[in-house]
C-alpha atoms as a PDB file:
ATOM      1  CA  UNK A   1       7.230   7.897   0.643  1.00  0.00           C
ATOM      2  CA  UNK A   2      10.007  10.127   2.198  1.00  0.00           C
ATOM      3  CA  UNK A   3       9.335  13.804   0.775  1.00  0.00           C
ATOM      4  CA  UNK A   4       7.045  13.316  -2.355  1.00  0.00           C
ATOM      5  CA  UNK A   5       5.018  10.019  -2.506  1.00  0.00           C
ATOM      6  CA  UNK A   6       6.442   8.721  -6.231  1.00  0.00           C
ATOM      7  CA  UNK A   7       6.332   5.482  -7.924  1.00  0.00           C
ATOM      8  CA  UNK A   8       8.963   4.360 -10.523  1.00  0.00           C
ATOM      9  CA  UNK A   9       9.690   1.580 -12.534  1.00  0.00           C
ATOM     10  CA  UNK A  10      13.365   0.954 -13.835  1.00  0.00           C
ATOM     11  CA  UNK A  11      14.053   4.537 -12.695  1.00  0.00           C
ATOM     12  CA  UNK A  12      11.360   6.097 -14.610  1.00  0.00           C
ATOM     13  CA  UNK A  13       8.407   7.789 -12.711  1.00  0.00           C
ATOM     14  CA  UNK A  14       4.940   6.585 -13.302  1.00  0.00           C
ATOM     15  CA  UNK A  15       1.683   8.464 -12.681  1.00  0.00           C
ATOM     16  CA  UNK A  16      -0.110   7.618  -9.566  1.00  0.00           C
ATOM     17  CA  UNK A  17      -3.169   9.755  -9.945  1.00  0.00           C
ATOM     18  CA  UNK A  18      -4.997  12.346  -7.757  1.00  0.00           C
ATOM     19  CA  UNK A  19      -3.675  13.350  -4.289  1.00  0.00           C
ATOM     20  CA  UNK A  20      -5.884  10.886  -2.497  1.00  0.00           C
ATOM     21  CA  UNK A  21      -4.735   8.068  -4.321  1.00  0.00           C
ATOM     22  CA  UNK A  22      -1.246   8.952  -3.758  1.00  0.00           C
ATOM     23  CA  UNK A  23      -1.902   9.162   0.026  1.00  0.00           C
ATOM     24  CA  UNK A  24      -3.482   5.934  -0.414  1.00  0.00           C
ATOM     25  CA  UNK A  25      -0.612   4.342  -1.738  1.00  0.00           C
ATOM     26  CA  UNK A  26       1.507   6.009   0.697  1.00  0.00           C
ATOM     27  CA  UNK A  27      -0.612   4.496   3.585  1.00  0.00           C
ATOM     28  CA  UNK A  28      -0.515   1.141   2.152  1.00  0.00           C
ATOM     29  CA  UNK A  29       3.372   1.085   1.723  1.00  0.00           C
ATOM     30  CA  UNK A  30       3.591   2.245   5.307  1.00  0.00           C
ATOM     31  CA  UNK A  31       2.127  -0.878   6.353  1.00  0.00           C
ATOM     32  CA  UNK A  32       3.083  -3.053   3.185  1.00  0.00           C
ATOM     33  CA  UNK A  33       2.026  -6.524   4.183  1.00  0.00           C
ATOM     34  CA  UNK A  34      -0.318  -5.956   6.931  1.00  0.00           C
ATOM     35  CA  UNK A  35      -4.053  -5.642   6.378  1.00  0.00           C
ATOM     36  CA  UNK A  36      -5.620  -2.055   6.987  1.00  0.00           C
ATOM     37  CA  UNK A  37      -9.275  -1.840   8.068  1.00  0.00           C
ATOM     38  CA  UNK A  38     -11.521   0.308   5.729  1.00  0.00           C
ATOM     39  CA  UNK A  39     -12.284   2.568   8.650  1.00  0.00           C
ATOM     40  CA  UNK A  40      -8.813   3.225   9.302  1.00  0.00           C
ATOM     41  CA  UNK A  41      -8.075   4.034   5.915  1.00  0.00           C
ATOM     42  CA  UNK A  42     -10.872   6.361   5.636  1.00  0.00           C
ATOM     43  CA  UNK A  43     -10.182   8.026   8.884  1.00  0.00           C
ATOM     44  CA  UNK A  44      -6.417   8.766   7.568  1.00  0.00           C
ATOM     45  CA  UNK A  45      -7.634   9.915   4.174  1.00  0.00           C
ATOM     46  CA  UNK A  46      -9.790  12.627   5.816  1.00  0.00           C
ATOM     47  CA  UNK A  47      -8.743  16.099   5.902  1.00  0.00           C
ATOM     48  CA  UNK A  48      -9.928  18.885   8.088  1.00  0.00           C
ATOM     49  CA  UNK A  49     -11.141  20.847   5.256  1.00  0.00           C
ATOM     50  CA  UNK A  50     -12.848  18.108   2.970  1.00  0.00           C
ATOM     51  CA  UNK A  51     -15.738  16.062   3.374  1.00  0.00           C
ATOM     52  CA  UNK A  52     -14.715  12.630   4.624  1.00  0.00           C
ATOM     53  CA  UNK A  53     -14.625   9.737   2.095  1.00  0.00           C
ATOM     54  CA  UNK A  54     -17.306   7.196   2.524  1.00  0.00           C
ATOM     55  CA  UNK A  55     -16.798   3.467   1.853  1.00  0.00           C
ATOM     56  CA  UNK A  56     -18.000   3.894  -1.798  1.00  0.00           C
ATOM     57  CA  UNK A  57     -15.336   6.592  -2.227  1.00  0.00           C
ATOM     58  CA  UNK A  58     -12.751   4.476  -0.606  1.00  0.00           C
ATOM     59  CA  UNK A  59     -13.524   1.662  -3.148  1.00  0.00           C
ATOM     60  CA  UNK A  60     -13.279   4.099  -6.008  1.00  0.00           C
ATOM     61  CA  UNK A  61      -9.845   5.356  -4.984  1.00  0.00           C
ATOM     62  CA  UNK A  62      -8.743   1.806  -4.645  1.00  0.00           C
ATOM     63  CA  UNK A  63      -9.900   0.880  -8.009  1.00  0.00           C
ATOM     64  CA  UNK A  64      -8.157   3.741  -9.393  1.00  0.00           C
ATOM     65  CA  UNK A  65      -4.723   3.154  -7.715  1.00  0.00           C
ATOM     66  CA  UNK A  66      -5.101  -0.553  -8.953  1.00  0.00           C
ATOM     67  CA  UNK A  67      -5.585   0.990 -12.483  1.00  0.00           C
ATOM     68  CA  UNK A  68      -2.529   3.314 -11.986  1.00  0.00           C
ATOM     69  CA  UNK A  69      -0.382   0.485 -10.595  1.00  0.00           C
ATOM     70  CA  UNK A  70      -1.190  -2.031 -13.641  1.00  0.00           C
ATOM     71  CA  UNK A  71      -0.717   0.832 -16.175  1.00  0.00           C
ATOM     72  CA  UNK A  72       2.450   1.908 -14.717  1.00  0.00           C
ATOM     73  CA  UNK A  73       4.059  -1.251 -15.189  1.00  0.00           C
ATOM     74  CA  UNK A  74       3.734  -3.122 -11.876  1.00  0.00           C
ATOM     75  CA  UNK A  75       4.883  -6.845 -12.709  1.00  0.00           C
ATOM     76  CA  UNK A  76       2.964  -8.381  -9.868  1.00  0.00           C
ATOM     77  CA  UNK A  77       5.501  -7.911  -7.568  1.00  0.00           C
ATOM     78  CA  UNK A  78       3.236  -5.469  -5.493  1.00  0.00           C
ATOM     79  CA  UNK A  79      -0.518  -6.397  -5.334  1.00  0.00           C
ATOM     80  CA  UNK A  80      -3.426  -4.581  -3.655  1.00  0.00           C
ATOM     81  CA  UNK A  81      -5.682  -7.284  -2.221  1.00  0.00           C
ATOM     82  CA  UNK A  82      -8.995  -7.189  -0.231  1.00  0.00           C
ATOM     83  CA  UNK A  83      -9.908  -9.537   2.486  1.00  0.00           C
ATOM     84  CA  UNK A  84     -13.371  -8.882   4.189  1.00  0.00           C
ATOM     85  CA  UNK A  85     -13.261  -5.095   5.440  1.00  0.00           C
ATOM     86  CA  UNK A  86      -9.564  -4.920   4.997  1.00  0.00           C
ATOM     87  CA  UNK A  87      -7.177  -4.026   2.239  1.00  0.00           C
ATOM     88  CA  UNK A  88      -3.594  -4.852   2.141  1.00  0.00           C
ATOM     89  CA  UNK A  89      -0.473  -4.050  -0.294  1.00  0.00           C
ATOM     90  CA  UNK A  90       1.676  -7.218  -0.699  1.00  0.00           C
ATOM     91  CA  UNK A  91       5.195  -6.883  -1.736  1.00  0.00           C
ATOM     92  CA  UNK A  92       9.027  -6.532  -0.874  1.00  0.00           C
ATOM     93  CA  UNK A  93       9.197  -3.597   1.921  1.00  0.00           C
ATOM     94  CA  UNK A  94      12.689  -3.007   0.585  1.00  0.00           C
ATOM     95  CA  UNK A  95      11.102  -1.768  -2.549  1.00  0.00           C
ATOM     96  CA  UNK A  96      10.085   1.293  -0.369  1.00  0.00           C
ATOM     97  CA  UNK A  97      12.430   4.076   0.678  1.00  0.00           C
ATOM     98  CA  UNK A  98      10.896   4.282   4.141  1.00  0.00           C
ATOM     99  CA  UNK A  99      11.538   0.641   5.001  1.00  0.00           C
ATOM    100  CA  UNK A 100      15.052   0.687   3.646  1.00  0.00           C
ATOM    101  CA  UNK A 101      15.848   3.757   5.954  1.00  0.00           C
ATOM    102  CA  UNK A 102      14.300   2.083   9.080  1.00  0.00           C
ATOM    103  CA  UNK A 103      16.145  -1.375   8.340  1.00  0.00           C
ATOM    104  CA  UNK A 104      19.308   0.714   7.715  1.00  0.00           C
ATOM    105  CA  UNK A 105      18.997   2.782  11.202  1.00  0.00           C
ATOM    106  CA  UNK A 106      18.066  -0.535  12.833  1.00  0.00           C
ATOM    107  CA  UNK A 107      21.480  -1.979  11.641  1.00  0.00           C
ATOM    108  CA  UNK A 108      23.506   1.098  12.637  1.00  0.00           C
ATOM    109  CA  UNK A 109      21.865   0.884  16.102  1.00  0.00           C
ATOM    110  CA  UNK A 110      22.845  -2.762  16.504  1.00  0.00           C
ATOM    111  CA  UNK A 111      26.666  -1.562  15.259  1.00  0.00           C
ATOM    112  CA  UNK A 112      29.465  -2.057  17.244  1.00  0.00           C
ATOM    113  CA  UNK A 113      32.452  -0.389  15.293  1.00  0.00           C
ATOM    114  CA  UNK A 114      32.263   3.307  14.511  1.00  0.00           C
ATOM    115  CA  UNK A 115      33.085   2.721  10.947  1.00  0.00           C
ATOM    116  CA  UNK A 116      30.190   0.573  10.610  1.00  0.00           C
ATOM    117  CA  UNK A 117      27.739   2.727  12.307  1.00  0.00           C
ATOM    118  CA  UNK A 118      28.743   5.707  10.276  1.00  0.00           C
ATOM    119  CA  UNK A 119      28.494   3.759   6.989  1.00  0.00           C
ATOM    120  CA  UNK A 120      25.109   2.534   8.044  1.00  0.00           C
ATOM    121  CA  UNK A 121      23.674   5.657   9.237  1.00  0.00           C
ATOM    122  CA  UNK A 122      25.023   7.570   6.447  1.00  0.00           C
ATOM    123  CA  UNK A 123      23.377   5.146   3.929  1.00  0.00           C
ATOM    124  CA  UNK A 124      20.150   5.591   5.759  1.00  0.00           C
ATOM    125  CA  UNK A 125      20.346   9.337   5.712  1.00  0.00           C
ATOM    126  CA  UNK A 126      20.591   9.215   1.859  1.00  0.00           C
ATOM    127  CA  UNK A 127      17.207   7.765   1.811  1.00  0.00           C
ATOM    128  CA  UNK A 128      15.656  10.643   3.491  1.00  0.00           C
ATOM    129  CA  UNK A 129      14.282  13.174   0.937  1.00  0.00           C
ATOM    130  CA  UNK A 130      11.707  14.730   3.385  1.00  0.00           C
ATOM    131  CA  UNK A 131       9.051  13.894   5.761  1.00  0.00           C
ATOM    132  CA  UNK A 132       6.726  11.001   5.588  1.00  0.00           C
ATOM    133  CA  UNK A 133       3.800  11.600   3.105  1.00  0.00           C
ATOM    134  CA  UNK A 134       4.928  15.331   3.150  1.00  0.00           C
ATOM    135  CA  UNK A 135       3.266  16.234  -0.153  1.00  0.00           C
ATOM    136  CA  UNK A 136       0.063  14.392   0.258  1.00  0.00           C
ATOM    137  CA  UNK A 137      -1.243  14.095   4.096  1.00  0.00           C
ATOM    138  CA  UNK A 138      -2.946  16.469   6.187  1.00  0.00           C
ATOM    139  CA  UNK A 139      -1.101  17.621   9.142  1.00  0.00           C
ATOM    140  CA  UNK A 140      -3.523  15.448  11.418  1.00  0.00           C
ATOM    141  CA  UNK A 141      -2.465  12.406   9.453  1.00  0.00           C
ATOM    142  CA  UNK A 142       1.074  13.272   9.529  1.00  0.00           C
ATOM    143  CA  UNK A 143       1.189  13.437  12.987  1.00  0.00           C
ATOM    144  CA  UNK A 144      -0.730  10.205  13.400  1.00  0.00           C
ATOM    145  CA  UNK A 145       1.626   8.164  11.376  1.00  0.00           C
ATOM    146  CA  UNK A 146       5.020  10.261  10.546  1.00  0.00           C
ATOM    147  CA  UNK A 147       6.218  11.330  14.263  1.00  0.00           C
ATOM    148  CA  UNK A 148       7.960   8.136  14.896  1.00  0.00           C
ATOM    149  CA  UNK A 149       9.691   8.087  11.662  1.00  0.00           C
ATOM    150  CA  UNK A 150      11.120  11.879  12.177  1.00  0.00           C
ATOM    151  CA  UNK A 151      12.325  10.815  15.607  1.00  0.00           C
ATOM    152  CA  UNK A 152      14.036   7.877  13.988  1.00  0.00           C
ATOM    153  CA  UNK A 153      15.668  10.512  11.575  1.00  0.00           C
ATOM    154  CA  UNK A 154      17.149  12.335  14.622  1.00  0.00           C
ATOM    155  CA  UNK A 155      18.372   9.000  15.906  1.00  0.00           C
ATOM    156  CA  UNK A 156      20.127   8.499  12.555  1.00  0.00           C
ATOM    157  CA  UNK A 157      21.686  11.859  12.623  1.00  0.00           C
ATOM    158  CA  UNK A 158      23.007  11.196  16.148  1.00  0.00           C
ATOM    159  CA  UNK A 159      24.512   7.797  15.563  1.00  0.00           C
ATOM    160  CA  UNK A 160      26.228   9.283  12.302  1.00  0.00           C
ATOM    161  CA  UNK A 161      27.684  12.095  14.320  1.00  0.00           C
ATOM    162  CA  UNK A 162      28.620   9.980  17.380  1.00  0.00           C
ATOM    163  CA  UNK A 163      30.553   7.635  15.174  1.00  0.00           C
ATOM    164  CA  UNK A 164      32.139  10.305  13.416  1.00  0.00           C
ATOM    165  CA  UNK A 165      33.098  11.948  16.497  1.00  0.00           C
ATOM    166  CA  UNK A 166      34.620   8.707  17.829  1.00  0.00           C
ATOM    167  CA  UNK A 167      36.617   8.296  14.540  1.00  0.00           C
ATOM    168  CA  UNK A 168      38.009  11.952  15.341  1.00  0.00           C
ATOM    169  CA  UNK A 169      36.573  13.528  11.979  1.00  0.00           C
ATOM    170  CA  UNK A 170      36.138  16.818  13.685  1.00  0.00           C
ATOM    171  CA  UNK A 171      36.707  19.088  10.836  1.00  0.00           C
ATOM    172  CA  UNK A 172      34.189  17.395   8.451  1.00  0.00           C
ATOM    173  CA  UNK A 173      31.608  17.281  11.665  1.00  0.00           C
ATOM    174  CA  UNK A 174      31.928  21.134  12.228  1.00  0.00           C
ATOM    175  CA  UNK A 175      29.818  22.105   9.158  1.00  0.00           C
ATOM    176  CA  UNK A 176      27.331  19.244   9.628  1.00  0.00           C
ATOM    177  CA  UNK A 177      26.661  19.973  13.288  1.00  0.00           C
ATOM    178  CA  UNK A 178      26.420  23.807  12.278  1.00  0.00           C
ATOM    179  CA  UNK A 179      23.381  22.981  10.330  1.00  0.00           C
ATOM    180  CA  UNK A 180      21.686  20.202  12.701  1.00  0.00           C
ATOM    181  CA  UNK A 181      22.040  22.699  15.646  1.00  0.00           C
ATOM    182  CA  UNK A 182      20.100  25.025  13.333  1.00  0.00           C
ATOM    183  CA  UNK A 183      17.357  22.704  12.608  1.00  0.00           C
ATOM    184  CA  UNK A 184      17.085  21.306  16.295  1.00  0.00           C
ATOM    185  CA  UNK A 185      18.111  24.339  18.231  1.00  0.00           C
ATOM    186  CA  UNK A 186      16.917  23.077  21.734  1.00  0.00           C
ATOM    187  CA  UNK A 187      18.225  19.472  20.902  1.00  0.00           C
ATOM    188  CA  UNK A 188      20.927  18.921  23.756  1.00  0.00           C
ATOM    189  CA  UNK A 189      22.809  16.249  22.204  1.00  0.00           C
ATOM    190  CA  UNK A 190      23.270  18.194  18.925  1.00  0.00           C
ATOM    191  CA  UNK A 191      24.602  21.224  21.010  1.00  0.00           C
ATOM    192  CA  UNK A 192      27.134  18.921  23.071  1.00  0.00           C
ATOM    193  CA  UNK A 193      28.804  17.374  19.871  1.00  0.00           C
ATOM    194  CA  UNK A 194      28.932  20.781  18.273  1.00  0.00           C
ATOM    195  CA  UNK A 195      30.675  22.514  21.223  1.00  0.00           C
ATOM    196  CA  UNK A 196      32.829  19.474  21.686  1.00  0.00           C
ATOM    197  CA  UNK A 197      33.784  19.338  17.841  1.00  0.00           C
ATOM    198  CA  UNK A 198      34.633  22.976  17.706  1.00  0.00           C
ATOM    199  CA  UNK A 199      36.950  22.484  20.661  1.00  0.00           C
ATOM    200  CA  UNK A 200      38.696  19.519  19.350  1.00  0.00           C
ATOM    201  CA  UNK A 201      39.038  21.481  16.125  1.00  0.00           C
ATOM    202  CA  UNK A 202      40.980  24.286  18.367  1.00  0.00           C
ATOM    203  CA  UNK A 203      38.226  26.609  18.241  1.00  0.00           C
ATOM    204  CA  UNK A 204      37.760  26.828  21.793  1.00  0.00           C
ATOM    205  CA  UNK A 205      36.012  30.319  21.960  1.00  0.00           C
ATOM    206  CA  UNK A 206      33.793  29.250  19.292  1.00  0.00           C
ATOM    207  CA  UNK A 207      32.613  26.160  21.485  1.00  0.00           C
ATOM    208  CA  UNK A 208      32.189  28.385  24.416  1.00  0.00           C
ATOM    209  CA  UNK A 209      30.022  30.847  22.323  1.00  0.00           C
ATOM    210  CA  UNK A 210      27.696  28.070  21.156  1.00  0.00           C
ATOM    211  CA  UNK A 211      27.086  26.971  24.889  1.00  0.00           C
ATOM    212  CA  UNK A 212      26.473  30.597  25.745  1.00  0.00           C
ATOM    213  CA  UNK A 213      24.071  31.120  22.957  1.00  0.00           C
ATOM    214  CA  UNK A 214      22.118  28.063  24.036  1.00  0.00           C
ATOM    215  CA  UNK A 215      22.372  29.049  27.414  1.00  0.00           C
ATOM    216  CA  UNK A 216      20.662  32.426  26.899  1.00  0.00           C
ATOM    217  CA  UNK A 217      18.015  30.866  24.648  1.00  0.00           C
ATOM    218  CA  UNK A 218      16.978  28.512  27.243  1.00  0.00           C
ATOM    219  CA  UNK A 219      17.049  31.283  29.955  1.00  0.00           C
ATOM    220  CA  UNK A 220      14.973  33.261  27.858  1.00  0.00           C
ATOM    221  CA  UNK A 221      12.392  30.942  26.708  1.00  0.00           C
ATOM    222  CA  UNK A 222      11.849  28.534  29.504  1.00  0.00           C
ATOM    223  CA  UNK A 223      13.866  30.354  32.493  1.00  0.00           C
ATOM    224  CA  UNK A 224      16.190  27.311  32.816  1.00  0.00           C
ATOM    225  CA  UNK A 225      20.049  26.913  32.835  1.00  0.00           C
ATOM    226  CA  UNK A 226      21.741  24.433  30.808  1.00  0.00           C
ATOM    227  CA  UNK A 227      21.588  21.016  31.756  1.00  0.00           C
ATOM    228  CA  UNK A 228      24.078  19.157  33.974  1.00  0.00           C
ATOM    229  CA  UNK A 229      25.786  17.646  31.071  1.00  0.00           C
ATOM    230  CA  UNK A 230      26.173  20.735  29.029  1.00  0.00           C
ATOM    231  CA  UNK A 231      27.577  22.686  32.177  1.00  0.00           C
ATOM    232  CA  UNK A 232      30.144  19.749  32.392  1.00  0.00           C
ATOM    233  CA  UNK A 233      30.988  20.059  28.937  1.00  0.00           C
ATOM    234  CA  UNK A 234      31.548  23.819  29.415  1.00  0.00           C
ATOM    235  CA  UNK A 235      33.625  23.521  32.706  1.00  0.00           C
ATOM    236  CA  UNK A 236      35.725  21.014  30.733  1.00  0.00           C
ATOM    237  CA  UNK A 237      36.468  23.310  27.814  1.00  0.00           C
ATOM    238  CA  UNK A 238      37.294  26.188  30.176  1.00  0.00           C
ATOM    239  CA  UNK A 239      39.671  24.136  32.101  1.00  0.00           C
ATOM    240  CA  UNK A 240      41.273  22.544  28.962  1.00  0.00           C
ATOM    241  CA  UNK A 241      40.340  19.106  29.814  1.00  0.00           C
ATOM    242  CA  UNK A 242      40.089  16.587  27.040  1.00  0.00           C
ATOM    243  CA  UNK A 243      36.439  16.150  25.902  1.00  0.00           C
ATOM    244  CA  UNK A 244      35.700  12.337  25.855  1.00  0.00           C
ATOM    245  CA  UNK A 245      32.548   9.944  26.087  1.00  0.00           C
ATOM    246  CA  UNK A 246      32.311  10.493  30.018  1.00  0.00           C
ATOM    247  CA  UNK A 247      31.886  14.149  29.424  1.00  0.00           C
ATOM    248  CA  UNK A 248      29.303  14.040  26.800  1.00  0.00           C
ATOM    249  CA  UNK A 249      27.413  11.055  28.579  1.00  0.00           C
ATOM    250  CA  UNK A 250      25.781  10.274  25.041  1.00  0.00           C
ATOM    251  CA  UNK A 251      23.963   6.897  24.610  1.00  0.00           C
ATOM    252  CA  UNK A 252      24.558   6.998  20.925  1.00  0.00           C
ATOM    253  CA  UNK A 253      28.257   7.545  21.584  1.00  0.00           C
ATOM    254  CA  UNK A 254      28.469   4.905  24.045  1.00  0.00           C
ATOM    255  CA  UNK A 255      26.949   2.385  21.641  1.00  0.00           C
ATOM    256  CA  UNK A 256      29.933   2.769  19.289  1.00  0.00           C
END
């Protein structure tokens, strides 16, 4: 479900069918084990530029999806069942990359040792190949079902960065944080960690340039200065004070 909606058996990809059947499978997998009302499914299957499906259309899509799962070698560990006006896909959530990702992030959030947190967050991030239902859902549907997982991705990235910072793996973090701040240019904690990491690598001037560029961008776009936390970090770097948990004031870092 992360990136392309794909189904595989023993590592071999299987055909799912048309886009709407692939989207329907993704919606069932998103809520695996829980019944979904037909009206909810019809709403999520609707695109802005296409005719909304009817209940008869939904029934056809379900039949095609059942056939695809059966022909694709599904051994009964996953079943599509109907009860009244609802459908549900039953099976083990850990067969689904999204649910493996969610479980690993939850374990990382509850971790107490930085090595453990970094390992769990890194394992979660290996599951992430792209946004939820990225290749099959309309933007409206993506906003409706995927936003929370996009935020969970940022949480996983922050957990890993915070743990690696705590472990003093500054040099390996520098390149990763350059990419993360490019992907999330206005995310305060990625900026803070990048500046702090550069500083701990002995690149004081580069750390200050990162903060100055962020300040100029925020002033130009929003008419705002750096947050109090980023100003404190800049002052610590200017004065040569060791950058630690108190300077960063990061909930993710405090957790490890």
